[in-house]
Amino acid sequence: MGERDALLVVDVQPDFLPGGALPVVDGDAIVPGVQRLLVSGRFPLCVATQDWHPAGHISFASSHAGKGPFDVVELYGHEQVLWPDHCVQGTAGAELLGGLAWERCAAVVRKGADPAVDSYSAFRNNWDRDGRRPNTGLAGYLRELGVGRVVLCGLARDFCVAWSAEDAVDAGFATCVVWDLTRPVVGDSDRRVRDELVARGVEIVMSDVFGG
C-alpha cells in the first residue's frame, strides 16, 4: 500500500467552541478550514477524536473540594489542570460538531472515558495511578493501514493537539500541525508550544499548503 498521510481532527466539539462549557477563544474560526481538509480528498484516511468524560471525572474542578477551574493539583505525581465540567458523555456539548463531514472519518477515538485518568492525547492517556500512560490503540491502527505521516488540526492547540502531536512523533510517525486550524485555550502559550513542538520534531504548517 505504501506510506500515506492521515488527517487527525482533534476534539472539534461544541463544548470547546464559544458558548460551550470550556470555550477556546476564536475556536469556531477553524471550522471552515477543518471542513475543507475533510472533504478535499487530500487525505485517504481521516480520524477524529472526541473528549468523552463520565460525570464526576477526576479532571473536573467540581470533583475537588475547594478548587476551581484552571487550578493545578498533583495527580499521580504529575501536574493536573482542573477544568470546568465539559464533554460529559451523552450531552450535546460532547457530540462532534454538527455540519462537518464526519462521514469521511474511518474511526473516532473517544478519550477521557476513564473516570480516574485524564486524556489529552489521541495516542496515550495521561498518567494513571501506576505511573503509566496507557495507549489508546491509535498508533497500531494507523500503522496497520500504512500511515507514515499524521497531520493534526483541532482544539486545543496547547493541550490535546500538542500532546497528540508529540505522541505521534514518539510513535514513529512524521507529524505536522496545521497551525491556523488550531487555537489555544491559554492565550499566551503560542511561542512556548510552537518551540516545544519544533524541538520534538513536529513540522508546523499552514492550511494553504494543502490547497484550497
N, C-alpha and C. Protein backbone atom coordinates (compact mmCIF):
# COMPACT_ATOMS: atom_id res chain seq x y z
N MET A 1 0.83 -1.21 0.00
CA MET A 1 0.00 0.00 0.00
C MET A 1 0.87 1.26 0.00
N GLY A 2 2.04 1.17 0.68
CA GLY A 2 2.89 2.34 0.75
C GLY A 2 2.45 3.29 1.85
N GLU A 3 3.36 4.12 2.31
CA GLU A 3 3.01 5.02 3.38
C GLU A 3 2.15 6.18 2.87
N ARG A 4 1.25 6.62 3.70
CA ARG A 4 0.34 7.68 3.31
C ARG A 4 0.03 8.57 4.51
N ASP A 5 -0.63 9.68 4.21
CA ASP A 5 -0.99 10.63 5.25
C ASP A 5 -2.31 10.25 5.90
N ALA A 6 -2.43 10.60 7.17
CA ALA A 6 -3.72 10.54 7.86
C ALA A 6 -4.01 11.91 8.46
N LEU A 7 -5.23 12.37 8.29
CA LEU A 7 -5.69 13.61 8.93
C LEU A 7 -6.30 13.24 10.27
N LEU A 8 -5.81 13.89 11.34
CA LEU A 8 -6.34 13.67 12.68
C LEU A 8 -7.00 14.96 13.15
N VAL A 9 -8.32 14.93 13.30
CA VAL A 9 -9.11 16.10 13.71
C VAL A 9 -9.41 15.94 15.20
N VAL A 10 -8.85 16.85 15.99
CA VAL A 10 -8.87 16.71 17.45
C VAL A 10 -9.99 17.54 18.07
N ASP A 11 -10.94 16.87 18.71
CA ASP A 11 -11.90 17.46 19.65
C ASP A 11 -12.63 18.70 19.13
N VAL A 12 -13.16 18.63 17.93
CA VAL A 12 -13.99 19.72 17.43
C VAL A 12 -15.42 19.44 17.90
N GLN A 13 -15.70 19.92 19.11
CA GLN A 13 -16.94 19.63 19.82
C GLN A 13 -17.53 20.93 20.38
N PRO A 14 -18.84 21.03 20.50
CA PRO A 14 -19.46 22.28 20.93
C PRO A 14 -18.94 22.81 22.26
N ASP A 15 -18.60 21.94 23.19
CA ASP A 15 -18.13 22.43 24.49
C ASP A 15 -16.81 23.19 24.39
N PHE A 16 -16.06 23.01 23.31
CA PHE A 16 -14.79 23.74 23.15
C PHE A 16 -14.94 24.98 22.27
N LEU A 17 -16.13 25.27 21.83
CA LEU A 17 -16.38 26.43 20.98
C LEU A 17 -17.04 27.54 21.79
N PRO A 18 -17.00 28.78 21.30
CA PRO A 18 -17.66 29.87 22.03
C PRO A 18 -19.09 29.51 22.42
N GLY A 19 -19.41 29.75 23.68
CA GLY A 19 -20.71 29.39 24.22
C GLY A 19 -20.73 28.03 24.88
N GLY A 20 -19.64 27.27 24.75
CA GLY A 20 -19.56 25.95 25.35
C GLY A 20 -19.05 25.99 26.77
N ALA A 21 -18.95 24.82 27.38
CA ALA A 21 -18.55 24.72 28.78
C ALA A 21 -17.09 25.07 29.00
N LEU A 22 -16.24 24.81 28.02
CA LEU A 22 -14.81 25.11 28.11
C LEU A 22 -14.38 25.75 26.79
N PRO A 23 -14.83 26.99 26.54
CA PRO A 23 -14.65 27.58 25.21
C PRO A 23 -13.22 28.00 24.94
N VAL A 24 -12.78 27.70 23.74
CA VAL A 24 -11.49 28.16 23.23
C VAL A 24 -11.75 29.44 22.44
N VAL A 25 -11.09 30.51 22.81
CA VAL A 25 -11.30 31.78 22.13
C VAL A 25 -11.04 31.63 20.63
N ASP A 26 -11.99 32.06 19.82
CA ASP A 26 -11.86 32.01 18.36
C ASP A 26 -11.84 30.58 17.84
N GLY A 27 -12.25 29.62 18.67
CA GLY A 27 -12.23 28.23 18.24
C GLY A 27 -13.09 27.95 17.03
N ASP A 28 -14.19 28.69 16.91
CA ASP A 28 -15.08 28.47 15.78
C ASP A 28 -14.47 28.90 14.45
N ALA A 29 -13.41 29.70 14.50
CA ALA A 29 -12.78 30.18 13.27
C ALA A 29 -12.10 29.06 12.49
N ILE A 30 -11.79 27.96 13.16
CA ILE A 30 -11.10 26.87 12.46
C ILE A 30 -12.06 25.97 11.69
N VAL A 31 -13.35 26.07 11.97
CA VAL A 31 -14.30 25.09 11.46
C VAL A 31 -14.34 25.03 9.94
N PRO A 32 -14.44 26.17 9.22
CA PRO A 32 -14.46 26.06 7.75
C PRO A 32 -13.21 25.40 7.18
N GLY A 33 -12.06 25.71 7.75
CA GLY A 33 -10.82 25.11 7.25
C GLY A 33 -10.74 23.62 7.53
N VAL A 34 -11.22 23.20 8.70
CA VAL A 34 -11.27 21.77 9.00
C VAL A 34 -12.17 21.06 8.01
N GLN A 35 -13.31 21.67 7.72
CA GLN A 35 -14.22 21.07 6.73
C GLN A 35 -13.55 20.94 5.36
N ARG A 36 -12.80 21.97 4.97
CA ARG A 36 -12.12 21.90 3.67
C ARG A 36 -11.15 20.72 3.63
N LEU A 37 -10.41 20.52 4.70
CA LEU A 37 -9.48 19.39 4.71
C LEU A 37 -10.22 18.05 4.66
N LEU A 38 -11.31 17.97 5.41
CA LEU A 38 -12.06 16.71 5.43
C LEU A 38 -12.58 16.32 4.06
N VAL A 39 -13.07 17.30 3.30
CA VAL A 39 -13.71 16.98 2.02
C VAL A 39 -12.77 17.11 0.84
N SER A 40 -11.53 17.48 1.09
CA SER A 40 -10.60 17.79 0.00
C SER A 40 -10.20 16.57 -0.83
N GLY A 41 -10.30 15.38 -0.25
CA GLY A 41 -9.78 14.20 -0.92
C GLY A 41 -8.28 14.06 -0.81
N ARG A 42 -7.64 15.03 -0.15
CA ARG A 42 -6.19 15.01 0.01
C ARG A 42 -5.73 13.91 0.97
N PHE A 43 -6.62 13.50 1.89
CA PHE A 43 -6.24 12.53 2.91
C PHE A 43 -7.04 11.23 2.72
N PRO A 44 -6.35 10.16 2.36
CA PRO A 44 -7.06 8.90 2.17
C PRO A 44 -7.61 8.32 3.46
N LEU A 45 -7.09 8.80 4.60
CA LEU A 45 -7.60 8.33 5.88
C LEU A 45 -7.79 9.53 6.80
N CYS A 46 -8.98 9.65 7.37
CA CYS A 46 -9.27 10.69 8.36
C CYS A 46 -9.75 10.02 9.64
N VAL A 47 -9.29 10.55 10.77
CA VAL A 47 -9.67 10.06 12.09
C VAL A 47 -10.03 11.26 12.94
N ALA A 48 -11.04 11.13 13.78
CA ALA A 48 -11.42 12.18 14.71
C ALA A 48 -11.21 11.71 16.14
N THR A 49 -10.98 12.66 17.05
CA THR A 49 -11.03 12.35 18.48
C THR A 49 -12.20 13.08 19.10
N GLN A 50 -12.67 12.52 20.21
CA GLN A 50 -13.84 13.06 20.89
C GLN A 50 -13.61 12.95 22.39
N ASP A 51 -13.50 14.10 23.06
CA ASP A 51 -13.42 14.10 24.51
C ASP A 51 -14.73 13.51 25.05
N TRP A 52 -14.63 12.57 26.01
CA TRP A 52 -15.82 11.78 26.35
C TRP A 52 -15.75 11.38 27.82
N HIS A 53 -16.05 12.35 28.69
CA HIS A 53 -15.86 12.16 30.12
C HIS A 53 -17.15 11.68 30.79
N PRO A 54 -17.02 10.76 31.76
CA PRO A 54 -18.17 10.48 32.62
C PRO A 54 -18.40 11.64 33.58
N ALA A 55 -19.60 11.78 34.07
CA ALA A 55 -19.88 12.77 35.10
C ALA A 55 -18.98 12.51 36.30
N GLY A 56 -18.50 13.61 36.93
CA GLY A 56 -17.64 13.46 38.09
C GLY A 56 -16.21 13.09 37.76
N HIS A 57 -15.78 13.33 36.53
CA HIS A 57 -14.42 12.97 36.12
C HIS A 57 -13.39 13.65 37.00
N ILE A 58 -12.27 12.97 37.21
CA ILE A 58 -11.24 13.45 38.13
C ILE A 58 -10.61 14.77 37.67
N SER A 59 -10.70 15.08 36.38
CA SER A 59 -10.13 16.34 35.87
C SER A 59 -11.04 17.53 36.09
N PHE A 60 -12.26 17.31 36.55
CA PHE A 60 -13.21 18.40 36.75
C PHE A 60 -12.94 19.08 38.10
N ALA A 61 -12.89 20.40 38.10
CA ALA A 61 -12.70 21.13 39.35
C ALA A 61 -13.80 20.78 40.36
N SER A 62 -14.99 20.50 39.85
CA SER A 62 -16.11 20.19 40.74
C SER A 62 -15.91 18.89 41.51
N SER A 63 -14.92 18.09 41.11
CA SER A 63 -14.61 16.83 41.81
C SER A 63 -13.60 17.03 42.93
N HIS A 64 -13.13 18.27 43.13
CA HIS A 64 -12.09 18.56 44.12
C HIS A 64 -12.57 19.69 45.03
N ALA A 65 -12.83 19.36 46.27
CA ALA A 65 -13.36 20.34 47.22
C ALA A 65 -12.42 21.53 47.36
N GLY A 66 -12.98 22.73 47.27
CA GLY A 66 -12.21 23.94 47.46
C GLY A 66 -11.40 24.38 46.26
N LYS A 67 -11.51 23.68 45.15
CA LYS A 67 -10.75 24.02 43.95
C LYS A 67 -11.67 24.59 42.88
N GLY A 68 -11.08 25.40 41.99
CA GLY A 68 -11.84 25.99 40.91
C GLY A 68 -11.24 25.65 39.56
N PRO A 69 -11.96 25.95 38.48
CA PRO A 69 -11.43 25.71 37.14
C PRO A 69 -10.09 26.40 36.93
N PHE A 70 -9.19 25.68 36.32
CA PHE A 70 -7.83 26.12 35.96
C PHE A 70 -6.86 26.12 37.14
N ASP A 71 -7.32 25.73 38.34
CA ASP A 71 -6.36 25.42 39.40
C ASP A 71 -5.54 24.20 38.97
N VAL A 72 -4.36 24.09 39.53
CA VAL A 72 -3.48 22.96 39.23
C VAL A 72 -3.24 22.17 40.51
N VAL A 73 -3.43 20.87 40.44
CA VAL A 73 -3.18 19.98 41.56
C VAL A 73 -2.18 18.92 41.14
N GLU A 74 -1.72 18.15 42.09
CA GLU A 74 -0.88 16.99 41.76
C GLU A 74 -1.75 15.75 41.71
N LEU A 75 -1.61 14.99 40.63
CA LEU A 75 -2.37 13.77 40.44
C LEU A 75 -1.42 12.68 39.98
N TYR A 76 -1.26 11.65 40.78
CA TYR A 76 -0.36 10.54 40.46
C TYR A 76 1.07 11.02 40.18
N GLY A 77 1.48 12.06 40.89
CA GLY A 77 2.85 12.55 40.77
C GLY A 77 3.09 13.53 39.64
N HIS A 78 2.03 13.98 38.98
CA HIS A 78 2.16 14.91 37.86
C HIS A 78 1.15 16.05 38.02
N GLU A 79 1.44 17.18 37.38
CA GLU A 79 0.51 18.30 37.43
C GLU A 79 -0.76 17.98 36.66
N GLN A 80 -1.87 18.34 37.24
CA GLN A 80 -3.17 18.17 36.60
C GLN A 80 -3.92 19.49 36.65
N VAL A 81 -4.22 20.03 35.48
CA VAL A 81 -5.09 21.20 35.41
C VAL A 81 -6.52 20.75 35.67
N LEU A 82 -7.23 21.49 36.49
CA LEU A 82 -8.64 21.21 36.75
C LEU A 82 -9.50 22.04 35.82
N TRP A 83 -10.46 21.40 35.20
CA TRP A 83 -11.27 22.02 34.17
C TRP A 83 -12.71 22.18 34.61
N PRO A 84 -13.44 23.11 33.99
CA PRO A 84 -14.90 23.09 34.16
C PRO A 84 -15.45 21.76 33.67
N ASP A 85 -16.56 21.33 34.21
CA ASP A 85 -17.21 20.13 33.68
C ASP A 85 -17.45 20.33 32.19
N HIS A 86 -17.01 19.39 31.36
CA HIS A 86 -17.13 19.55 29.91
C HIS A 86 -17.15 18.19 29.23
N CYS A 87 -17.73 18.17 28.06
CA CYS A 87 -17.77 16.96 27.22
C CYS A 87 -18.20 15.74 28.03
N VAL A 88 -19.27 15.91 28.78
CA VAL A 88 -19.80 14.81 29.57
C VAL A 88 -20.57 13.87 28.64
N GLN A 89 -20.29 12.61 28.77
CA GLN A 89 -20.87 11.60 27.89
C GLN A 89 -22.38 11.77 27.75
N GLY A 90 -22.85 11.76 26.51
CA GLY A 90 -24.28 11.83 26.24
C GLY A 90 -24.86 13.22 26.18
N THR A 91 -24.05 14.25 26.47
CA THR A 91 -24.56 15.61 26.41
C THR A 91 -24.31 16.21 25.03
N ALA A 92 -25.08 17.25 24.72
CA ALA A 92 -24.94 17.90 23.41
C ALA A 92 -23.54 18.48 23.23
N GLY A 93 -22.95 19.00 24.30
CA GLY A 93 -21.63 19.60 24.19
C GLY A 93 -20.53 18.62 23.89
N ALA A 94 -20.77 17.35 24.12
CA ALA A 94 -19.77 16.31 23.87
C ALA A 94 -19.84 15.75 22.46
N GLU A 95 -20.90 16.05 21.73
CA GLU A 95 -21.04 15.50 20.38
C GLU A 95 -20.01 16.12 19.43
N LEU A 96 -19.67 15.40 18.39
CA LEU A 96 -18.88 16.01 17.32
C LEU A 96 -19.72 17.12 16.69
N LEU A 97 -19.07 18.23 16.38
CA LEU A 97 -19.79 19.41 15.91
C LEU A 97 -20.60 19.11 14.66
N GLY A 98 -21.86 19.48 14.70
CA GLY A 98 -22.71 19.26 13.55
C GLY A 98 -22.28 20.05 12.33
N GLY A 99 -22.56 19.51 11.15
CA GLY A 99 -22.28 20.21 9.91
C GLY A 99 -20.95 19.89 9.28
N LEU A 100 -20.08 19.18 9.98
CA LEU A 100 -18.80 18.76 9.40
C LEU A 100 -18.93 17.37 8.79
N ALA A 101 -18.05 17.07 7.87
CA ALA A 101 -18.14 15.82 7.10
C ALA A 101 -17.51 14.66 7.86
N TRP A 102 -18.09 14.34 9.03
CA TRP A 102 -17.54 13.26 9.84
C TRP A 102 -17.64 11.92 9.16
N GLU A 103 -18.50 11.81 8.16
CA GLU A 103 -18.57 10.54 7.43
C GLU A 103 -17.27 10.20 6.73
N ARG A 104 -16.40 11.20 6.56
CA ARG A 104 -15.08 10.96 5.96
C ARG A 104 -14.13 10.29 6.95
N CYS A 105 -14.49 10.26 8.22
CA CYS A 105 -13.61 9.67 9.24
C CYS A 105 -13.86 8.17 9.36
N ALA A 106 -12.80 7.42 9.23
CA ALA A 106 -12.90 5.97 9.33
C ALA A 106 -12.99 5.51 10.78
N ALA A 107 -12.56 6.36 11.71
CA ALA A 107 -12.59 5.99 13.12
C ALA A 107 -12.74 7.24 13.97
N VAL A 108 -13.32 7.07 15.13
CA VAL A 108 -13.42 8.12 16.14
C VAL A 108 -12.84 7.56 17.44
N VAL A 109 -11.82 8.22 17.96
CA VAL A 109 -11.19 7.81 19.21
C VAL A 109 -11.81 8.63 20.34
N ARG A 110 -12.54 7.97 21.23
CA ARG A 110 -13.11 8.64 22.39
C ARG A 110 -12.10 8.56 23.54
N LYS A 111 -11.79 9.70 24.12
CA LYS A 111 -10.75 9.75 25.15
C LYS A 111 -11.26 10.42 26.41
N GLY A 112 -10.61 10.08 27.52
CA GLY A 112 -11.04 10.62 28.80
C GLY A 112 -12.21 9.89 29.42
N ALA A 113 -12.48 8.66 28.98
CA ALA A 113 -13.62 7.92 29.48
C ALA A 113 -13.36 7.26 30.83
N ASP A 114 -12.09 7.07 31.19
CA ASP A 114 -11.75 6.52 32.50
C ASP A 114 -11.99 7.62 33.54
N PRO A 115 -12.86 7.40 34.52
CA PRO A 115 -13.17 8.47 35.47
C PRO A 115 -11.98 8.91 36.32
N ALA A 116 -10.93 8.09 36.39
CA ALA A 116 -9.80 8.38 37.27
C ALA A 116 -8.55 8.85 36.52
N VAL A 117 -8.62 8.99 35.20
CA VAL A 117 -7.45 9.35 34.40
C VAL A 117 -7.86 10.36 33.34
N ASP A 118 -7.12 11.45 33.22
CA ASP A 118 -7.39 12.41 32.15
C ASP A 118 -6.74 11.90 30.87
N SER A 119 -7.11 12.49 29.75
CA SER A 119 -6.56 12.04 28.47
C SER A 119 -6.58 13.19 27.49
N TYR A 120 -5.42 13.80 27.26
CA TYR A 120 -5.30 14.85 26.27
C TYR A 120 -5.00 14.28 24.88
N SER A 121 -4.12 13.30 24.83
CA SER A 121 -3.57 12.81 23.57
C SER A 121 -4.48 11.78 22.91
N ALA A 122 -4.48 11.79 21.58
CA ALA A 122 -5.18 10.76 20.83
C ALA A 122 -4.49 9.41 20.92
N PHE A 123 -3.22 9.41 21.31
CA PHE A 123 -2.42 8.19 21.27
C PHE A 123 -2.22 7.52 22.62
N ARG A 124 -2.17 8.33 23.68
CA ARG A 124 -1.93 7.78 25.01
C ARG A 124 -2.69 8.60 26.04
N ASN A 125 -3.24 7.92 27.04
CA ASN A 125 -3.87 8.63 28.14
C ASN A 125 -2.81 9.35 28.96
N ASN A 126 -3.24 10.27 29.82
CA ASN A 126 -2.34 10.84 30.80
C ASN A 126 -1.94 9.76 31.81
N TRP A 127 -1.08 10.13 32.76
CA TRP A 127 -0.56 9.16 33.71
C TRP A 127 -1.66 8.60 34.60
N ASP A 128 -1.59 7.29 34.85
CA ASP A 128 -2.52 6.67 35.78
C ASP A 128 -1.84 6.46 37.13
N ARG A 129 -2.54 5.85 38.04
CA ARG A 129 -2.01 5.70 39.41
C ARG A 129 -0.80 4.77 39.46
N ASP A 130 -0.57 3.99 38.41
CA ASP A 130 0.60 3.12 38.35
C ASP A 130 1.77 3.77 37.62
N GLY A 131 1.64 5.06 37.28
CA GLY A 131 2.72 5.78 36.62
C GLY A 131 2.84 5.49 35.15
N ARG A 132 1.81 4.92 34.54
CA ARG A 132 1.84 4.60 33.11
C ARG A 132 0.97 5.56 32.33
N ARG A 133 1.25 5.63 31.04
CA ARG A 133 0.38 6.34 30.11
C ARG A 133 -0.14 5.32 29.10
N PRO A 134 -1.27 4.70 29.37
CA PRO A 134 -1.75 3.62 28.52
C PRO A 134 -2.04 4.08 27.09
N ASN A 135 -1.75 3.22 26.14
CA ASN A 135 -2.01 3.50 24.73
C ASN A 135 -3.50 3.42 24.43
N THR A 136 -3.94 4.23 23.48
CA THR A 136 -5.32 4.16 23.02
C THR A 136 -5.53 3.14 21.91
N GLY A 137 -4.44 2.70 21.29
CA GLY A 137 -4.54 1.80 20.15
C GLY A 137 -4.47 2.49 18.80
N LEU A 138 -4.49 3.83 18.81
CA LEU A 138 -4.50 4.56 17.54
C LEU A 138 -3.21 4.34 16.75
N ALA A 139 -2.07 4.31 17.41
CA ALA A 139 -0.81 4.15 16.67
C ALA A 139 -0.80 2.83 15.91
N GLY A 140 -1.21 1.77 16.54
CA GLY A 140 -1.24 0.47 15.86
C GLY A 140 -2.22 0.47 14.70
N TYR A 141 -3.36 1.09 14.89
CA TYR A 141 -4.36 1.18 13.82
C TYR A 141 -3.79 1.89 12.60
N LEU A 142 -3.12 3.02 12.84
CA LEU A 142 -2.55 3.77 11.72
C LEU A 142 -1.44 2.99 11.03
N ARG A 143 -0.60 2.32 11.80
CA ARG A 143 0.48 1.53 11.19
C ARG A 143 -0.09 0.42 10.31
N GLU A 144 -1.12 -0.25 10.81
CA GLU A 144 -1.73 -1.35 10.04
C GLU A 144 -2.28 -0.85 8.70
N LEU A 145 -2.66 0.41 8.65
CA LEU A 145 -3.21 0.99 7.43
C LEU A 145 -2.16 1.71 6.59
N GLY A 146 -0.90 1.55 6.94
CA GLY A 146 0.17 2.07 6.11
C GLY A 146 0.42 3.55 6.23
N VAL A 147 0.01 4.15 7.34
CA VAL A 147 0.19 5.59 7.52
C VAL A 147 1.64 5.90 7.89
N GLY A 148 2.20 6.88 7.22
CA GLY A 148 3.55 7.33 7.54
C GLY A 148 3.59 8.70 8.17
N ARG A 149 2.58 9.53 7.88
CA ARG A 149 2.56 10.89 8.42
C ARG A 149 1.18 11.22 8.98
N VAL A 150 1.17 11.89 10.13
CA VAL A 150 -0.05 12.33 10.77
C VAL A 150 -0.13 13.85 10.68
N VAL A 151 -1.24 14.35 10.17
CA VAL A 151 -1.49 15.79 10.02
C VAL A 151 -2.60 16.16 10.99
N LEU A 152 -2.30 17.07 11.94
CA LEU A 152 -3.25 17.37 13.00
C LEU A 152 -3.85 18.76 12.87
N CYS A 153 -5.12 18.87 13.22
CA CYS A 153 -5.81 20.13 13.38
C CYS A 153 -6.82 19.95 14.51
N GLY A 154 -7.39 21.05 15.00
CA GLY A 154 -8.43 20.93 16.02
C GLY A 154 -8.12 21.72 17.27
N LEU A 155 -8.70 21.26 18.40
CA LEU A 155 -8.66 22.00 19.66
C LEU A 155 -8.24 21.09 20.81
N ALA A 156 -7.58 21.64 21.77
CA ALA A 156 -6.97 22.96 21.76
C ALA A 156 -5.49 22.80 21.45
N ARG A 157 -4.93 23.81 20.84
CA ARG A 157 -3.55 23.78 20.35
C ARG A 157 -2.55 23.41 21.44
N ASP A 158 -2.73 23.98 22.64
CA ASP A 158 -1.72 23.86 23.69
C ASP A 158 -1.91 22.64 24.58
N PHE A 159 -2.99 21.90 24.40
CA PHE A 159 -3.20 20.69 25.20
C PHE A 159 -3.39 19.48 24.29
N CYS A 160 -4.61 19.22 23.84
CA CYS A 160 -4.87 17.96 23.16
C CYS A 160 -4.16 17.85 21.81
N VAL A 161 -4.06 18.96 21.06
CA VAL A 161 -3.34 18.91 19.79
C VAL A 161 -1.85 18.71 20.03
N ALA A 162 -1.27 19.49 20.95
CA ALA A 162 0.16 19.40 21.21
C ALA A 162 0.54 18.04 21.75
N TRP A 163 -0.19 17.54 22.72
CA TRP A 163 0.13 16.22 23.29
C TRP A 163 -0.01 15.13 22.23
N SER A 164 -1.03 15.23 21.39
CA SER A 164 -1.21 14.24 20.33
C SER A 164 -0.05 14.28 19.33
N ALA A 165 0.39 15.48 18.98
CA ALA A 165 1.49 15.62 18.03
C ALA A 165 2.78 15.03 18.60
N GLU A 166 3.07 15.33 19.85
CA GLU A 166 4.29 14.81 20.45
C GLU A 166 4.25 13.29 20.56
N ASP A 167 3.09 12.74 20.91
CA ASP A 167 2.98 11.29 20.99
C ASP A 167 3.04 10.64 19.62
N ALA A 168 2.55 11.33 18.59
CA ALA A 168 2.66 10.80 17.23
C ALA A 168 4.13 10.67 16.83
N VAL A 169 4.92 11.69 17.15
CA VAL A 169 6.37 11.61 16.88
C VAL A 169 6.99 10.46 17.64
N ASP A 170 6.66 10.34 18.92
CA ASP A 170 7.21 9.26 19.73
C ASP A 170 6.83 7.88 19.19
N ALA A 171 5.68 7.80 18.54
CA ALA A 171 5.23 6.54 17.97
C ALA A 171 5.86 6.26 16.61
N GLY A 172 6.68 7.19 16.11
CA GLY A 172 7.41 6.95 14.88
C GLY A 172 6.82 7.54 13.63
N PHE A 173 5.78 8.37 13.76
CA PHE A 173 5.17 8.99 12.59
C PHE A 173 5.79 10.35 12.29
N ALA A 174 6.02 10.65 11.02
CA ALA A 174 6.24 12.04 10.63
C ALA A 174 4.97 12.79 11.01
N THR A 175 5.13 13.99 11.56
CA THR A 175 3.99 14.67 12.17
C THR A 175 4.01 16.14 11.83
N CYS A 176 2.85 16.69 11.47
CA CYS A 176 2.75 18.13 11.29
C CYS A 176 1.46 18.64 11.89
N VAL A 177 1.51 19.85 12.39
CA VAL A 177 0.35 20.55 12.94
C VAL A 177 -0.03 21.68 12.00
N VAL A 178 -1.30 21.72 11.61
CA VAL A 178 -1.81 22.79 10.75
C VAL A 178 -2.15 23.96 11.68
N TRP A 179 -1.20 24.86 11.83
CA TRP A 179 -1.22 25.87 12.88
C TRP A 179 -2.46 26.76 12.84
N ASP A 180 -2.86 27.19 11.64
CA ASP A 180 -4.00 28.10 11.55
C ASP A 180 -5.33 27.39 11.76
N LEU A 181 -5.33 26.07 11.83
CA LEU A 181 -6.54 25.31 12.11
C LEU A 181 -6.48 24.71 13.51
N THR A 182 -5.81 25.45 14.41
CA THR A 182 -5.83 25.17 15.84
C THR A 182 -5.96 26.50 16.57
N ARG A 183 -6.37 26.44 17.83
CA ARG A 183 -6.41 27.61 18.69
C ARG A 183 -6.08 27.15 20.11
N PRO A 184 -5.43 28.02 20.92
CA PRO A 184 -5.06 27.63 22.27
C PRO A 184 -6.13 27.97 23.30
N VAL A 185 -6.16 27.20 24.38
CA VAL A 185 -7.04 27.55 25.49
C VAL A 185 -6.36 28.56 26.41
N VAL A 186 -5.02 28.55 26.44
CA VAL A 186 -4.24 29.55 27.19
C VAL A 186 -3.66 30.53 26.17
N GLY A 187 -4.11 31.76 26.19
CA GLY A 187 -3.85 32.69 25.10
C GLY A 187 -2.40 33.05 24.86
N ASP A 188 -1.55 33.03 25.91
CA ASP A 188 -0.17 33.44 25.73
C ASP A 188 0.78 32.25 25.59
N SER A 189 0.26 31.10 25.18
CA SER A 189 1.06 29.88 25.14
C SER A 189 1.71 29.61 23.78
N ASP A 190 1.40 30.42 22.76
CA ASP A 190 1.77 30.05 21.40
C ASP A 190 3.27 29.88 21.20
N ARG A 191 4.06 30.82 21.66
CA ARG A 191 5.51 30.72 21.44
C ARG A 191 6.08 29.47 22.11
N ARG A 192 5.68 29.24 23.36
CA ARG A 192 6.18 28.07 24.08
C ARG A 192 5.77 26.79 23.36
N VAL A 193 4.50 26.69 22.99
CA VAL A 193 4.01 25.47 22.34
C VAL A 193 4.71 25.23 21.01
N ARG A 194 4.84 26.28 20.22
CA ARG A 194 5.50 26.13 18.92
C ARG A 194 6.94 25.68 19.10
N ASP A 195 7.66 26.31 20.03
CA ASP A 195 9.06 25.93 20.25
C ASP A 195 9.17 24.49 20.73
N GLU A 196 8.29 24.08 21.63
CA GLU A 196 8.33 22.71 22.14
C GLU A 196 8.01 21.70 21.05
N LEU A 197 7.05 22.00 20.20
CA LEU A 197 6.70 21.08 19.12
C LEU A 197 7.85 20.94 18.13
N VAL A 198 8.42 22.06 17.72
CA VAL A 198 9.52 22.03 16.76
C VAL A 198 10.71 21.26 17.35
N ALA A 199 10.98 21.49 18.63
CA ALA A 199 12.09 20.78 19.28
C ALA A 199 11.87 19.28 19.30
N ARG A 200 10.62 18.86 19.32
CA ARG A 200 10.30 17.43 19.32
C ARG A 200 10.25 16.83 17.92
N GLY A 201 10.41 17.67 16.90
CA GLY A 201 10.42 17.17 15.53
C GLY A 201 9.11 17.30 14.80
N VAL A 202 8.18 18.09 15.35
CA VAL A 202 6.90 18.32 14.69
C VAL A 202 7.05 19.46 13.70
N GLU A 203 6.53 19.27 12.49
CA GLU A 203 6.53 20.33 11.49
C GLU A 203 5.31 21.21 11.68
N ILE A 204 5.50 22.51 11.60
CA ILE A 204 4.40 23.46 11.69
C ILE A 204 4.09 23.97 10.28
N VAL A 205 2.84 23.83 9.84
CA VAL A 205 2.44 24.24 8.51
C VAL A 205 1.17 25.08 8.61
N MET A 206 0.85 25.75 7.50
CA MET A 206 -0.42 26.45 7.38
C MET A 206 -1.29 25.70 6.39
N SER A 207 -2.59 25.88 6.50
CA SER A 207 -3.51 25.05 5.73
C SER A 207 -3.39 25.25 4.22
N ASP A 208 -2.84 26.40 3.79
CA ASP A 208 -2.76 26.63 2.35
C ASP A 208 -1.79 25.68 1.66
N VAL A 209 -0.94 24.98 2.43
CA VAL A 209 -0.05 24.01 1.78
C VAL A 209 -0.82 22.83 1.22
N PHE A 210 -2.05 22.65 1.67
CA PHE A 210 -2.88 21.55 1.18
C PHE A 210 -3.85 21.99 0.09
N GLY A 211 -3.71 23.25 -0.35
CA GLY A 211 -4.57 23.77 -1.40
C GLY A 211 -5.90 24.25 -0.85
N GLY A 212 -6.61 24.98 -1.66
CA GLY A 212 -7.92 25.48 -1.26
C GLY A 212 -7.86 26.73 -0.44
